Amino acid sequence: MKFCQHCGKENEESMTFCQNCGEKIKPTSVQTEVSPIATPTGNTIKNWANIVFGLIVALGPIIIIAGIALAENTDGISFLVGLVSGAITIALGFVSRAFVYGYGIIVSYCERRENE
């Protein structure tokens, strides 16, 4: 049921105008409390960015070493593929960290603005 903000009369949910006074019924806003776990903080985002960055950058040298190991058994192409793939992986680690860390900074800034 909706209540008219003007006269207080109870109206049906489907009504847009009050049955008693004819005023337009404004939709009531229901605020739900957001759990702090549901919305990650800026610091949490920045910490995850550092963890993911570490994992990606550690994966780059592993790919390069795998390329070197395969090159000893086959041809030089495996070495080049391993080297290029490892370099691309490391570069993507830096780029992804920059984006995620930047997002964390923005979230931290918004949190500070909300608390002012």
PDB file of N, CA and C in Angstrom:
ATOM      1  N   MET A   1       0.829  -1.188   0.000  1.00  0.00           N
ATOM      2  CA  MET A   1       0.000   0.000   0.000  1.00  0.00           C
ATOM      3  C   MET A   1       0.874   1.252   0.000  1.00  0.00           C
ATOM      4  N   LYS A   2       0.407   2.269  -0.688  1.00  0.00           N
ATOM      5  CA  LYS A   2       1.096   3.552  -0.733  1.00  0.00           C
ATOM      6  C   LYS A   2       0.336   4.549   0.136  1.00  0.00           C
ATOM      7  N   PHE A   3       1.069   5.455   0.762  1.00  0.00           N
ATOM      8  CA  PHE A   3       0.458   6.520   1.540  1.00  0.00           C
ATOM      9  C   PHE A   3       0.703   7.840   0.847  1.00  0.00           C
ATOM     10  N   CYS A   4      -0.306   8.671   0.789  1.00  0.00           N
ATOM     11  CA  CYS A   4      -0.195   9.997   0.194  1.00  0.00           C
ATOM     12  C   CYS A   4       0.664  10.877   1.114  1.00  0.00           C
ATOM     13  N   GLN A   5       1.647  11.544   0.538  1.00  0.00           N
ATOM     14  CA  GLN A   5       2.496  12.429   1.340  1.00  0.00           C
ATOM     15  C   GLN A   5       1.766  13.730   1.707  1.00  0.00           C
ATOM     16  N   HIS A   6       0.688  14.024   0.996  1.00  0.00           N
ATOM     17  CA  HIS A   6      -0.046  15.267   1.239  1.00  0.00           C
ATOM     18  C   HIS A   6      -1.089  15.107   2.353  1.00  0.00           C
ATOM     19  N   CYS A   7      -1.947  14.069   2.245  1.00  0.00           N
ATOM     20  CA  CYS A   7      -3.028  13.917   3.226  1.00  0.00           C
ATOM     21  C   CYS A   7      -2.866  12.697   4.134  1.00  0.00           C
ATOM     22  N   GLY A   8      -1.971  11.769   3.763  1.00  0.00           N
ATOM     23  CA  GLY A   8      -1.742  10.593   4.594  1.00  0.00           C
ATOM     24  C   GLY A   8      -2.684   9.437   4.323  1.00  0.00           C
ATOM     25  N   LYS A   9      -3.582   9.564   3.363  1.00  0.00           N
ATOM     26  CA  LYS A   9      -4.546   8.512   3.039  1.00  0.00           C
ATOM     27  C   LYS A   9      -3.843   7.312   2.409  1.00  0.00           C
ATOM     28  N   GLU A  10      -4.273   6.105   2.788  1.00  0.00           N
ATOM     29  CA  GLU A  10      -3.713   4.887   2.232  1.00  0.00           C
ATOM     30  C   GLU A  10      -4.336   4.621   0.865  1.00  0.00           C
ATOM     31  N   ASN A  11      -3.494   4.321  -0.123  1.00  0.00           N
ATOM     32  CA  ASN A  11      -3.931   4.066  -1.499  1.00  0.00           C
ATOM     33  C   ASN A  11      -3.354   2.737  -1.973  1.00  0.00           C
ATOM     34  N   GLU A  12      -3.932   2.199  -3.033  1.00  0.00           N
ATOM     35  CA  GLU A  12      -3.420   0.961  -3.612  1.00  0.00           C
ATOM     36  C   GLU A  12      -2.078   1.214  -4.301  1.00  0.00           C
ATOM     37  N   GLU A  13      -1.277   0.142  -4.443  1.00  0.00           N
ATOM     38  CA  GLU A  13       0.053   0.249  -5.050  1.00  0.00           C
ATOM     39  C   GLU A  13      -0.007   0.792  -6.469  1.00  0.00           C
ATOM     40  N   SER A  14      -1.032   0.424  -7.218  1.00  0.00           N
ATOM     41  CA  SER A  14      -1.117   0.802  -8.626  1.00  0.00           C
ATOM     42  C   SER A  14      -1.539   2.256  -8.833  1.00  0.00           C
ATOM     43  N   MET A  15      -1.974   2.939  -7.794  1.00  0.00           N
ATOM     44  CA  MET A  15      -2.476   4.310  -7.920  1.00  0.00           C
ATOM     45  C   MET A  15      -1.327   5.310  -8.078  1.00  0.00           C
ATOM     46  N   THR A  16      -1.513   6.268  -9.000  1.00  0.00           N
ATOM     47  CA  THR A  16      -0.539   7.351  -9.148  1.00  0.00           C
ATOM     48  C   THR A  16      -1.044   8.631  -8.507  1.00  0.00           C
ATOM     49  N   PHE A  17      -2.349   8.728  -8.316  1.00  0.00           N
ATOM     50  CA  PHE A  17      -2.930   9.912  -7.665  1.00  0.00           C
ATOM     51  C   PHE A  17      -3.746   9.451  -6.456  1.00  0.00           C
ATOM     52  N   CYS A  18      -3.745  10.261  -5.428  1.00  0.00           N
ATOM     53  CA  CYS A  18      -4.444   9.938  -4.186  1.00  0.00           C
ATOM     54  C   CYS A  18      -5.953   9.890  -4.422  1.00  0.00           C
ATOM     55  N   GLN A  19      -6.602   8.860  -3.876  1.00  0.00           N
ATOM     56  CA  GLN A  19      -8.060   8.725  -3.999  1.00  0.00           C
ATOM     57  C   GLN A  19      -8.777   9.761  -3.153  1.00  0.00           C
ATOM     58  N   ASN A  20      -8.115  10.290  -2.118  1.00  0.00           N
ATOM     59  CA  ASN A  20      -8.751  11.230  -1.204  1.00  0.00           C
ATOM     60  C   ASN A  20      -8.601  12.680  -1.669  1.00  0.00           C
ATOM     61  N   CYS A  21      -7.368  13.116  -1.940  1.00  0.00           N
ATOM     62  CA  CYS A  21      -7.145  14.527  -2.247  1.00  0.00           C
ATOM     63  C   CYS A  21      -6.748  14.780  -3.696  1.00  0.00           C
ATOM     64  N   GLY A  22      -6.400  13.758  -4.459  1.00  0.00           N
ATOM     65  CA  GLY A  22      -6.070  13.936  -5.869  1.00  0.00           C
ATOM     66  C   GLY A  22      -4.610  14.310  -6.138  1.00  0.00           C
ATOM     67  N   GLU A  23      -3.810  14.457  -5.085  1.00  0.00           N
ATOM     68  CA  GLU A  23      -2.391  14.784  -5.272  1.00  0.00           C
ATOM     69  C   GLU A  23      -1.659  13.591  -5.869  1.00  0.00           C
ATOM     70  N   LYS A  24      -0.591  13.890  -6.608  1.00  0.00           N
ATOM     71  CA  LYS A  24       0.225  12.821  -7.182  1.00  0.00           C
ATOM     72  C   LYS A  24       0.981  12.128  -6.045  1.00  0.00           C
ATOM     73  N   ILE A  25       0.940  10.801  -6.069  1.00  0.00           N
ATOM     74  CA  ILE A  25       1.629  10.026  -5.045  1.00  0.00           C
ATOM     75  C   ILE A  25       3.064   9.796  -5.506  1.00  0.00           C
ATOM     76  N   LYS A  26       3.993  10.249  -4.708  1.00  0.00           N
ATOM     77  CA  LYS A  26       5.404  10.071  -5.030  1.00  0.00           C
ATOM     78  C   LYS A  26       5.821   8.682  -4.586  1.00  0.00           C
ATOM     79  N   PRO A  27       6.623   8.017  -5.432  1.00  0.00           N
ATOM     80  CA  PRO A  27       7.079   6.679  -5.024  1.00  0.00           C
ATOM     81  C   PRO A  27       7.987   6.780  -3.804  1.00  0.00           C
ATOM     82  N   THR A  28       7.763   5.883  -2.878  1.00  0.00           N
ATOM     83  CA  THR A  28       8.596   5.896  -1.675  1.00  0.00           C
ATOM     84  C   THR A  28       9.899   5.205  -1.987  1.00  0.00           C
ATOM     85  N   SER A  29      10.985   5.807  -1.560  1.00  0.00           N
ATOM     86  CA  SER A  29      12.291   5.201  -1.798  1.00  0.00           C
ATOM     87  C   SER A  29      12.655   4.339  -0.599  1.00  0.00           C
ATOM     88  N   VAL A  30      12.958   3.117  -0.910  1.00  0.00           N
ATOM     89  CA  VAL A  30      13.355   2.191   0.132  1.00  0.00           C
ATOM     90  C   VAL A  30      14.868   2.054   0.063  1.00  0.00           C
ATOM     91  N   GLN A  31      15.533   2.432   1.137  1.00  0.00           N
ATOM     92  CA  GLN A  31      16.975   2.313   1.168  1.00  0.00           C
ATOM     93  C   GLN A  31      17.351   1.027   1.871  1.00  0.00           C
ATOM     94  N   THR A  32      18.165   0.267   1.208  1.00  0.00           N
ATOM     95  CA  THR A  32      18.658  -0.951   1.817  1.00  0.00           C
ATOM     96  C   THR A  32      20.092  -0.723   2.252  1.00  0.00           C
ATOM     97  N   GLU A  33      20.417  -1.304   3.351  1.00  0.00           N
ATOM     98  CA  GLU A  33      21.761  -1.154   3.875  1.00  0.00           C
ATOM     99  C   GLU A  33      22.689  -2.097   3.130  1.00  0.00           C
ATOM    100  N   VAL A  34      23.806  -1.570   2.636  1.00  0.00           N
ATOM    101  CA  VAL A  34      24.749  -2.358   1.883  1.00  0.00           C
ATOM    102  C   VAL A  34      25.788  -2.925   2.831  1.00  0.00           C
ATOM    103  N   SER A  35      26.009  -4.199   2.700  1.00  0.00           N
ATOM    104  CA  SER A  35      27.009  -4.857   3.530  1.00  0.00           C
ATOM    105  C   SER A  35      28.393  -4.396   3.108  1.00  0.00           C
ATOM    106  N   PRO A  36      29.291  -4.180   4.072  1.00  0.00           N
ATOM    107  CA  PRO A  36      30.633  -3.758   3.692  1.00  0.00           C
ATOM    108  C   PRO A  36      31.374  -4.815   2.885  1.00  0.00           C
ATOM    109  N   ILE A  37      30.959  -6.063   2.992  1.00  0.00           N
ATOM    110  CA  ILE A  37      31.597  -7.130   2.231  1.00  0.00           C
ATOM    111  C   ILE A  37      31.171  -7.054   0.772  1.00  0.00           C
ATOM    112  N   ALA A  38      29.949  -6.590   0.499  1.00  0.00           N
ATOM    113  CA  ALA A  38      29.446  -6.542  -0.862  1.00  0.00           C
ATOM    114  C   ALA A  38      30.183  -5.514  -1.708  1.00  0.00           C
ATOM    115  N   THR A  39      30.635  -4.431  -1.120  1.00  0.00           N
ATOM    116  CA  THR A  39      31.333  -3.384  -1.848  1.00  0.00           C
ATOM    117  C   THR A  39      32.787  -3.350  -1.399  1.00  0.00           C
ATOM    118  N   PRO A  40      33.703  -3.743  -2.273  1.00  0.00           N
ATOM    119  CA  PRO A  40      35.098  -3.730  -1.854  1.00  0.00           C
ATOM    120  C   PRO A  40      35.606  -2.312  -1.686  1.00  0.00           C
ATOM    121  N   THR A  41      36.474  -2.124  -0.723  1.00  0.00           N
ATOM    122  CA  THR A  41      37.044  -0.806  -0.493  1.00  0.00           C
ATOM    123  C   THR A  41      38.196  -0.583  -1.461  1.00  0.00           C
ATOM    124  N   GLY A  42      38.611   0.666  -1.553  1.00  0.00           N
ATOM    125  CA  GLY A  42      39.721   1.002  -2.437  1.00  0.00           C
ATOM    126  C   GLY A  42      40.989   0.272  -2.065  1.00  0.00           C
ATOM    127  N   ASN A  43      41.261   0.146  -0.760  1.00  0.00           N
ATOM    128  CA  ASN A  43      42.471  -0.554  -0.332  1.00  0.00           C
ATOM    129  C   ASN A  43      42.416  -2.032  -0.681  1.00  0.00           C
ATOM    130  N   THR A  44      41.237  -2.655  -0.564  1.00  0.00           N
ATOM    131  CA  THR A  44      41.092  -4.061  -0.941  1.00  0.00           C
ATOM    132  C   THR A  44      41.376  -4.246  -2.422  1.00  0.00           C
ATOM    133  N   ILE A  45      40.854  -3.353  -3.236  1.00  0.00           N
ATOM    134  CA  ILE A  45      41.072  -3.437  -4.679  1.00  0.00           C
ATOM    135  C   ILE A  45      42.556  -3.288  -4.996  1.00  0.00           C
ATOM    136  N   LYS A  46      43.214  -2.329  -4.335  1.00  0.00           N
ATOM    137  CA  LYS A  46      44.646  -2.131  -4.587  1.00  0.00           C
ATOM    138  C   LYS A  46      45.456  -3.337  -4.131  1.00  0.00           C
ATOM    139  N   ASN A  47      45.082  -3.971  -3.019  1.00  0.00           N
ATOM    140  CA  ASN A  47      45.792  -5.165  -2.568  1.00  0.00           C
ATOM    141  C   ASN A  47      45.641  -6.308  -3.564  1.00  0.00           C
ATOM    142  N   TRP A  48      44.432  -6.506  -4.079  1.00  0.00           N
ATOM    143  CA  TRP A  48      44.222  -7.550  -5.081  1.00  0.00           C
ATOM    144  C   TRP A  48      44.996  -7.241  -6.352  1.00  0.00           C
ATOM    145  N   ALA A  49      45.091  -5.969  -6.706  1.00  0.00           N
ATOM    146  CA  ALA A  49      45.869  -5.592  -7.895  1.00  0.00           C
ATOM    147  C   ALA A  49      47.317  -6.004  -7.722  1.00  0.00           C
ATOM    148  N   ASN A  50      47.869  -5.813  -6.531  1.00  0.00           N
ATOM    149  CA  ASN A  50      49.253  -6.201  -6.277  1.00  0.00           C
ATOM    150  C   ASN A  50      49.439  -7.710  -6.325  1.00  0.00           C
ATOM    151  N   ILE A  51      48.481  -8.470  -5.797  1.00  0.00           N
ATOM    152  CA  ILE A  51      48.581  -9.930  -5.809  1.00  0.00           C
ATOM    153  C   ILE A  51      48.523 -10.459  -7.236  1.00  0.00           C
ATOM    154  N   VAL A  52      47.547  -9.979  -8.008  1.00  0.00           N
ATOM    155  CA  VAL A  52      47.406 -10.428  -9.395  1.00  0.00           C
ATOM    156  C   VAL A  52      48.641 -10.034 -10.202  1.00  0.00           C
ATOM    157  N   PHE A  53      49.141  -8.834  -9.962  1.00  0.00           N
ATOM    158  CA  PHE A  53      50.337  -8.367 -10.650  1.00  0.00           C
ATOM    159  C   PHE A  53      51.517  -9.300 -10.363  1.00  0.00           C
ATOM    160  N   GLY A  54      51.702  -9.670  -9.108  1.00  0.00           N
ATOM    161  CA  GLY A  54      52.793 -10.563  -8.742  1.00  0.00           C
ATOM    162  C   GLY A  54      52.685 -11.914  -9.436  1.00  0.00           C
ATOM    163  N   LEU A  55      51.451 -12.439  -9.503  1.00  0.00           N
ATOM    164  CA  LEU A  55      51.249 -13.731 -10.162  1.00  0.00           C
ATOM    165  C   LEU A  55      51.524 -13.655 -11.661  1.00  0.00           C
ATOM    166  N   ILE A  56      51.052 -12.604 -12.297  1.00  0.00           N
ATOM    167  CA  ILE A  56      51.250 -12.468 -13.741  1.00  0.00           C
ATOM    168  C   ILE A  56      52.721 -12.264 -14.069  1.00  0.00           C
ATOM    169  N   VAL A  57      53.398 -11.416 -13.299  1.00  0.00           N
ATOM    170  CA  VAL A  57      54.807 -11.153 -13.564  1.00  0.00           C
ATOM    171  C   VAL A  57      55.646 -12.396 -13.277  1.00  0.00           C
ATOM    172  N   ALA A  58      55.247 -13.213 -12.312  1.00  0.00           N
ATOM    173  CA  ALA A  58      55.961 -14.461 -12.049  1.00  0.00           C
ATOM    174  C   ALA A  58      55.733 -15.467 -13.179  1.00  0.00           C
ATOM    175  N   LEU A  59      54.602 -15.385 -13.844  1.00  0.00           N
ATOM    176  CA  LEU A  59      54.294 -16.297 -14.931  1.00  0.00           C
ATOM    177  C   LEU A  59      55.134 -16.003 -16.174  1.00  0.00           C
ATOM    178  N   GLY A  60      55.482 -14.753 -16.394  1.00  0.00           N
ATOM    179  CA  GLY A  60      56.279 -14.367 -17.567  1.00  0.00           C
ATOM    180  C   GLY A  60      57.598 -15.106 -17.656  1.00  0.00           C
ATOM    181  N   PRO A  61      58.449 -15.056 -16.619  1.00  0.00           N
ATOM    182  CA  PRO A  61      59.719 -15.787 -16.688  1.00  0.00           C
ATOM    183  C   PRO A  61      59.546 -17.302 -16.840  1.00  0.00           C
ATOM    184  N   ILE A  62      58.461 -17.847 -16.268  1.00  0.00           N
ATOM    185  CA  ILE A  62      58.201 -19.287 -16.415  1.00  0.00           C
ATOM    186  C   ILE A  62      57.954 -19.614 -17.885  1.00  0.00           C
ATOM    187  N   ILE A  63      57.207 -18.757 -18.571  1.00  0.00           N
ATOM    188  CA  ILE A  63      56.948 -18.967 -19.998  1.00  0.00           C
ATOM    189  C   ILE A  63      58.250 -18.845 -20.789  1.00  0.00           C
ATOM    190  N   ILE A  64      59.086 -17.873 -20.438  1.00  0.00           N
ATOM    191  CA  ILE A  64      60.368 -17.708 -21.132  1.00  0.00           C
ATOM    192  C   ILE A  64      61.249 -18.942 -20.920  1.00  0.00           C
ATOM    193  N   ILE A  65      61.337 -19.435 -19.688  1.00  0.00           N
ATOM    194  CA  ILE A  65      62.152 -20.623 -19.399  1.00  0.00           C
ATOM    195  C   ILE A  65      61.605 -21.838 -20.147  1.00  0.00           C
ATOM    196  N   ALA A  66      60.290 -21.960 -20.226  1.00  0.00           N
ATOM    197  CA  ALA A  66      59.698 -23.076 -20.973  1.00  0.00           C
ATOM    198  C   ALA A  66      60.081 -22.984 -22.447  1.00  0.00           C
ATOM    199  N   GLY A  67      60.095 -21.776 -22.993  1.00  0.00           N
ATOM    200  CA  GLY A  67      60.507 -21.593 -24.389  1.00  0.00           C
ATOM    201  C   GLY A  67      61.948 -21.985 -24.605  1.00  0.00           C
ATOM    202  N   ILE A  68      62.836 -21.637 -23.654  1.00  0.00           N
ATOM    203  CA  ILE A  68      64.251 -22.009 -23.756  1.00  0.00           C
ATOM    204  C   ILE A  68      64.392 -23.528 -23.672  1.00  0.00           C
ATOM    205  N   ALA A  69      63.666 -24.153 -22.752  1.00  0.00           N
ATOM    206  CA  ALA A  69      63.755 -25.612 -22.605  1.00  0.00           C
ATOM    207  C   ALA A  69      63.265 -26.322 -23.853  1.00  0.00           C
ATOM    208  N   LEU A  70      62.198 -25.823 -24.465  1.00  0.00           N
ATOM    209  CA  LEU A  70      61.691 -26.443 -25.689  1.00  0.00           C
ATOM    210  C   LEU A  70      62.628 -26.205 -26.862  1.00  0.00           C
ATOM    211  N   ALA A  71      63.324 -25.058 -26.867  1.00  0.00           N
ATOM    212  CA  ALA A  71      64.222 -24.745 -27.980  1.00  0.00           C
ATOM    213  C   ALA A  71      65.402 -25.703 -28.011  1.00  0.00           C
ATOM    214  N   GLU A  72      65.844 -26.193 -26.856  1.00  0.00           N
ATOM    215  CA  GLU A  72      66.966 -27.133 -26.825  1.00  0.00           C
ATOM    216  C   GLU A  72      66.586 -28.457 -27.476  1.00  0.00           C
ATOM    217  N   ASN A  73      65.307 -28.820 -27.386  1.00  0.00           N
ATOM    218  CA  ASN A  73      64.866 -30.104 -27.926  1.00  0.00           C
ATOM    219  C   ASN A  73      64.370 -30.008 -29.363  1.00  0.00           C
ATOM    220  N   THR A  74      63.940 -28.822 -29.780  1.00  0.00           N
ATOM    221  CA  THR A  74      63.372 -28.695 -31.135  1.00  0.00           C
ATOM    222  C   THR A  74      64.136 -27.629 -31.922  1.00  0.00           C
ATOM    223  N   ASP A  75      63.484 -26.552 -32.249  1.00  0.00           N
ATOM    224  CA  ASP A  75      64.114 -25.511 -33.055  1.00  0.00           C
ATOM    225  C   ASP A  75      64.125 -24.175 -32.333  1.00  0.00           C
ATOM    226  N   GLY A  76      64.654 -23.161 -32.984  1.00  0.00           N
ATOM    227  CA  GLY A  76      64.751 -21.827 -32.393  1.00  0.00           C
ATOM    228  C   GLY A  76      63.422 -21.097 -32.324  1.00  0.00           C
ATOM    229  N   ILE A  77      62.426 -21.546 -33.048  1.00  0.00           N
ATOM    230  CA  ILE A  77      61.110 -20.898 -33.043  1.00  0.00           C
ATOM    231  C   ILE A  77      60.498 -20.970 -31.651  1.00  0.00           C
ATOM    232  N   SER A  78      60.643 -22.099 -30.975  1.00  0.00           N
ATOM    233  CA  SER A  78      60.077 -22.249 -29.633  1.00  0.00           C
ATOM    234  C   SER A  78      60.676 -21.222 -28.678  1.00  0.00           C
ATOM    235  N   PHE A  79      61.964 -20.958 -28.840  1.00  0.00           N
ATOM    236  CA  PHE A  79      62.624 -19.960 -27.998  1.00  0.00           C
ATOM    237  C   PHE A  79      62.016 -18.582 -28.232  1.00  0.00           C
ATOM    238  N   LEU A  80      61.842 -18.226 -29.498  1.00  0.00           N
ATOM    239  CA  LEU A  80      61.261 -16.914 -29.815  1.00  0.00           C
ATOM    240  C   LEU A  80      59.819 -16.813 -29.332  1.00  0.00           C
ATOM    241  N   VAL A  81      59.050 -17.865 -29.527  1.00  0.00           N
ATOM    242  CA  VAL A  81      57.654 -17.858 -29.064  1.00  0.00           C
ATOM    243  C   VAL A  81      57.613 -17.723 -27.550  1.00  0.00           C
ATOM    244  N   GLY A  82      58.473 -18.462 -26.842  1.00  0.00           N
ATOM    245  CA  GLY A  82      58.533 -18.360 -25.381  1.00  0.00           C
ATOM    246  C   GLY A  82      58.960 -16.986 -24.926  1.00  0.00           C
ATOM    247  N   LEU A  83      59.968 -16.424 -25.597  1.00  0.00           N
ATOM    248  CA  LEU A  83      60.457 -15.093 -25.231  1.00  0.00           C
ATOM    249  C   LEU A  83      59.394 -14.024 -25.445  1.00  0.00           C
ATOM    250  N   VAL A  84      58.767 -14.048 -26.612  1.00  0.00           N
ATOM    251  CA  VAL A  84      57.733 -13.046 -26.924  1.00  0.00           C
ATOM    252  C   VAL A  84      56.511 -13.230 -26.025  1.00  0.00           C
ATOM    253  N   SER A  85      56.080 -14.477 -25.825  1.00  0.00           N
ATOM    254  CA  SER A  85      54.920 -14.729 -24.958  1.00  0.00           C
ATOM    255  C   SER A  85      55.188 -14.283 -23.528  1.00  0.00           C
ATOM    256  N   GLY A  86      56.376 -14.563 -23.015  1.00  0.00           N
ATOM    257  CA  GLY A  86      56.736 -14.135 -21.663  1.00  0.00           C
ATOM    258  C   GLY A  86      56.774 -12.625 -21.538  1.00  0.00           C
ATOM    259  N   ALA A  87      57.357 -11.971 -22.549  1.00  0.00           N
ATOM    260  CA  ALA A  87      57.425 -10.504 -22.521  1.00  0.00           C
ATOM    261  C   ALA A  87      56.024  -9.897 -22.570  1.00  0.00           C
ATOM    262  N   ILE A  88      55.157 -10.453 -23.407  1.00  0.00           N
ATOM    263  CA  ILE A  88      53.774  -9.951 -23.490  1.00  0.00           C
ATOM    264  C   ILE A  88      53.053 -10.169 -22.166  1.00  0.00           C
ATOM    265  N   THR A  89      53.259 -11.323 -21.541  1.00  0.00           N
ATOM    266  CA  THR A  89      52.625 -11.617 -20.250  1.00  0.00           C
ATOM    267  C   THR A  89      53.063 -10.619 -19.185  1.00  0.00           C
ATOM    268  N   ILE A  90      54.361 -10.343 -19.138  1.00  0.00           N
ATOM    269  CA  ILE A  90      54.869  -9.374 -18.158  1.00  0.00           C
ATOM    270  C   ILE A  90      54.300  -7.984 -18.434  1.00  0.00           C
ATOM    271  N   ALA A  91      54.265  -7.579 -19.708  1.00  0.00           N
ATOM    272  CA  ALA A  91      53.718  -6.264 -20.059  1.00  0.00           C
ATOM    273  C   ALA A  91      52.240  -6.172 -19.681  1.00  0.00           C
ATOM    274  N   LEU A  92      51.478  -7.235 -19.951  1.00  0.00           N
ATOM    275  CA  LEU A  92      50.057  -7.232 -19.566  1.00  0.00           C
ATOM    276  C   LEU A  92      49.894  -7.161 -18.053  1.00  0.00           C
ATOM    277  N   GLY A  93      50.826  -7.756 -17.319  1.00  0.00           N
ATOM    278  CA  GLY A  93      50.791  -7.644 -15.854  1.00  0.00           C
ATOM    279  C   GLY A  93      50.900  -6.197 -15.409  1.00  0.00           C
ATOM    280  N   PHE A  94      51.824  -5.452 -16.012  1.00  0.00           N
ATOM    281  CA  PHE A  94      51.982  -4.041 -15.657  1.00  0.00           C
ATOM    282  C   PHE A  94      50.755  -3.223 -16.040  1.00  0.00           C
ATOM    283  N   VAL A  95      50.226  -3.492 -17.235  1.00  0.00           N
ATOM    284  CA  VAL A  95      49.059  -2.731 -17.705  1.00  0.00           C
ATOM    285  C   VAL A  95      47.835  -3.028 -16.840  1.00  0.00           C
ATOM    286  N   SER A  96      47.591  -4.317 -16.544  1.00  0.00           N
ATOM    287  CA  SER A  96      46.416  -4.655 -15.735  1.00  0.00           C
ATOM    288  C   SER A  96      46.547  -4.087 -14.328  1.00  0.00           C
ATOM    289  N   ARG A  97      47.755  -4.116 -13.767  1.00  0.00           N
ATOM    290  CA  ARG A  97      47.956  -3.551 -12.432  1.00  0.00           C
ATOM    291  C   ARG A  97      47.661  -2.058 -12.446  1.00  0.00           C
ATOM    292  N   ALA A  98      48.106  -1.378 -13.488  1.00  0.00           N
ATOM    293  CA  ALA A  98      47.859   0.064 -13.570  1.00  0.00           C
ATOM    294  C   ALA A  98      46.368   0.365 -13.586  1.00  0.00           C
ATOM    295  N   PHE A  99      45.615  -0.396 -14.381  1.00  0.00           N
ATOM    296  CA  PHE A  99      44.172  -0.149 -14.455  1.00  0.00           C
ATOM    297  C   PHE A  99      43.468  -0.481 -13.142  1.00  0.00           C
ATOM    298  N   VAL A 100      43.759  -1.652 -12.577  1.00  0.00           N
ATOM    299  CA  VAL A 100      43.076  -2.065 -11.348  1.00  0.00           C
ATOM    300  C   VAL A 100      43.500  -1.178 -10.180  1.00  0.00           C
ATOM    301  N   TYR A 101      44.781  -0.851 -10.094  1.00  0.00           N
ATOM    302  CA  TYR A 101      45.263   0.006  -9.013  1.00  0.00           C
ATOM    303  C   TYR A 101      44.642   1.399  -9.140  1.00  0.00           C
ATOM    304  N   GLY A 102      44.544   1.888 -10.371  1.00  0.00           N
ATOM    305  CA  GLY A 102      43.892   3.186 -10.604  1.00  0.00           C
ATOM    306  C   GLY A 102      42.439   3.163 -10.182  1.00  0.00           C
ATOM    307  N   TYR A 103      41.745   2.049 -10.476  1.00  0.00           N
ATOM    308  CA  TYR A 103      40.357   1.908 -10.044  1.00  0.00           C
ATOM    309  C   TYR A 103      40.276   1.940  -8.523  1.00  0.00           C
ATOM    310  N   GLY A 104      41.216   1.284  -7.848  1.00  0.00           N
ATOM    311  CA  GLY A 104      41.251   1.304  -6.383  1.00  0.00           C
ATOM    312  C   GLY A 104      41.444   2.704  -5.838  1.00  0.00           C
ATOM    313  N   ILE A 105      42.271   3.490  -6.507  1.00  0.00           N
ATOM    314  CA  ILE A 105      42.489   4.880  -6.088  1.00  0.00           C
ATOM    315  C   ILE A 105      41.199   5.681  -6.237  1.00  0.00           C
ATOM    316  N   ILE A 106      40.491   5.453  -7.337  1.00  0.00           N
ATOM    317  CA  ILE A 106      39.226   6.166  -7.560  1.00  0.00           C
ATOM    318  C   ILE A 106      38.207   5.780  -6.489  1.00  0.00           C
ATOM    319  N   VAL A 107      38.113   4.496  -6.171  1.00  0.00           N
ATOM    320  CA  VAL A 107      37.172   4.041  -5.143  1.00  0.00           C
ATOM    321  C   VAL A 107      37.539   4.653  -3.791  1.00  0.00           C
ATOM    322  N   SER A 108      38.840   4.685  -3.467  1.00  0.00           N
ATOM    323  CA  SER A 108      39.275   5.293  -2.199  1.00  0.00           C
ATOM    324  C   SER A 108      38.884   6.763  -2.142  1.00  0.00           C
ATOM    325  N   TYR A 109      39.054   7.469  -3.260  1.00  0.00           N
ATOM    326  CA  TYR A 109      38.690   8.884  -3.317  1.00  0.00           C
ATOM    327  C   TYR A 109      37.188   9.060  -3.088  1.00  0.00           C
ATOM    328  N   CYS A 110      36.374   8.207  -3.725  1.00  0.00           N
ATOM    329  CA  CYS A 110      34.916   8.296  -3.568  1.00  0.00           C
ATOM    330  C   CYS A 110      34.507   7.990  -2.128  1.00  0.00           C
ATOM    331  N   GLU A 111      35.194   7.030  -1.497  1.00  0.00           N
ATOM    332  CA  GLU A 111      34.886   6.709  -0.099  1.00  0.00           C
ATOM    333  C   GLU A 111      35.183   7.903   0.805  1.00  0.00           C
ATOM    334  N   ARG A 112      36.289   8.580   0.551  1.00  0.00           N
ATOM    335  CA  ARG A 112      36.619   9.755   1.373  1.00  0.00           C
ATOM    336  C   ARG A 112      35.597  10.865   1.167  1.00  0.00           C
ATOM    337  N   ARG A 113      35.137  11.054  -0.081  1.00  0.00           N
ATOM    338  CA  ARG A 113      34.145  12.087  -0.374  1.00  0.00           C
ATOM    339  C   ARG A 113      32.810  11.788   0.325  1.00  0.00           C
ATOM    340  N   GLU A 114      32.437  10.496   0.395  1.00  0.00           N
ATOM    341  CA  GLU A 114      31.186  10.112   1.063  1.00  0.00           C
ATOM    342  C   GLU A 114      31.248  10.389   2.553  1.00  0.00           C
ATOM    343  N   ASN A 115      32.422  10.215   3.146  1.00  0.00           N
ATOM    344  CA  ASN A 115      32.573  10.363   4.595  1.00  0.00           C
ATOM    345  C   ASN A 115      32.737  11.814   5.026  1.00  0.00           C
ATOM    346  N   GLU A 116      32.868  12.734   4.087  1.00  0.00           N
ATOM    347  CA  GLU A 116      33.024  14.145   4.456  1.00  0.00           C
ATOM    348  C   GLU A 116      31.709  14.768   4.849  1.00  0.00           C
TER     349      GLU A 116
END
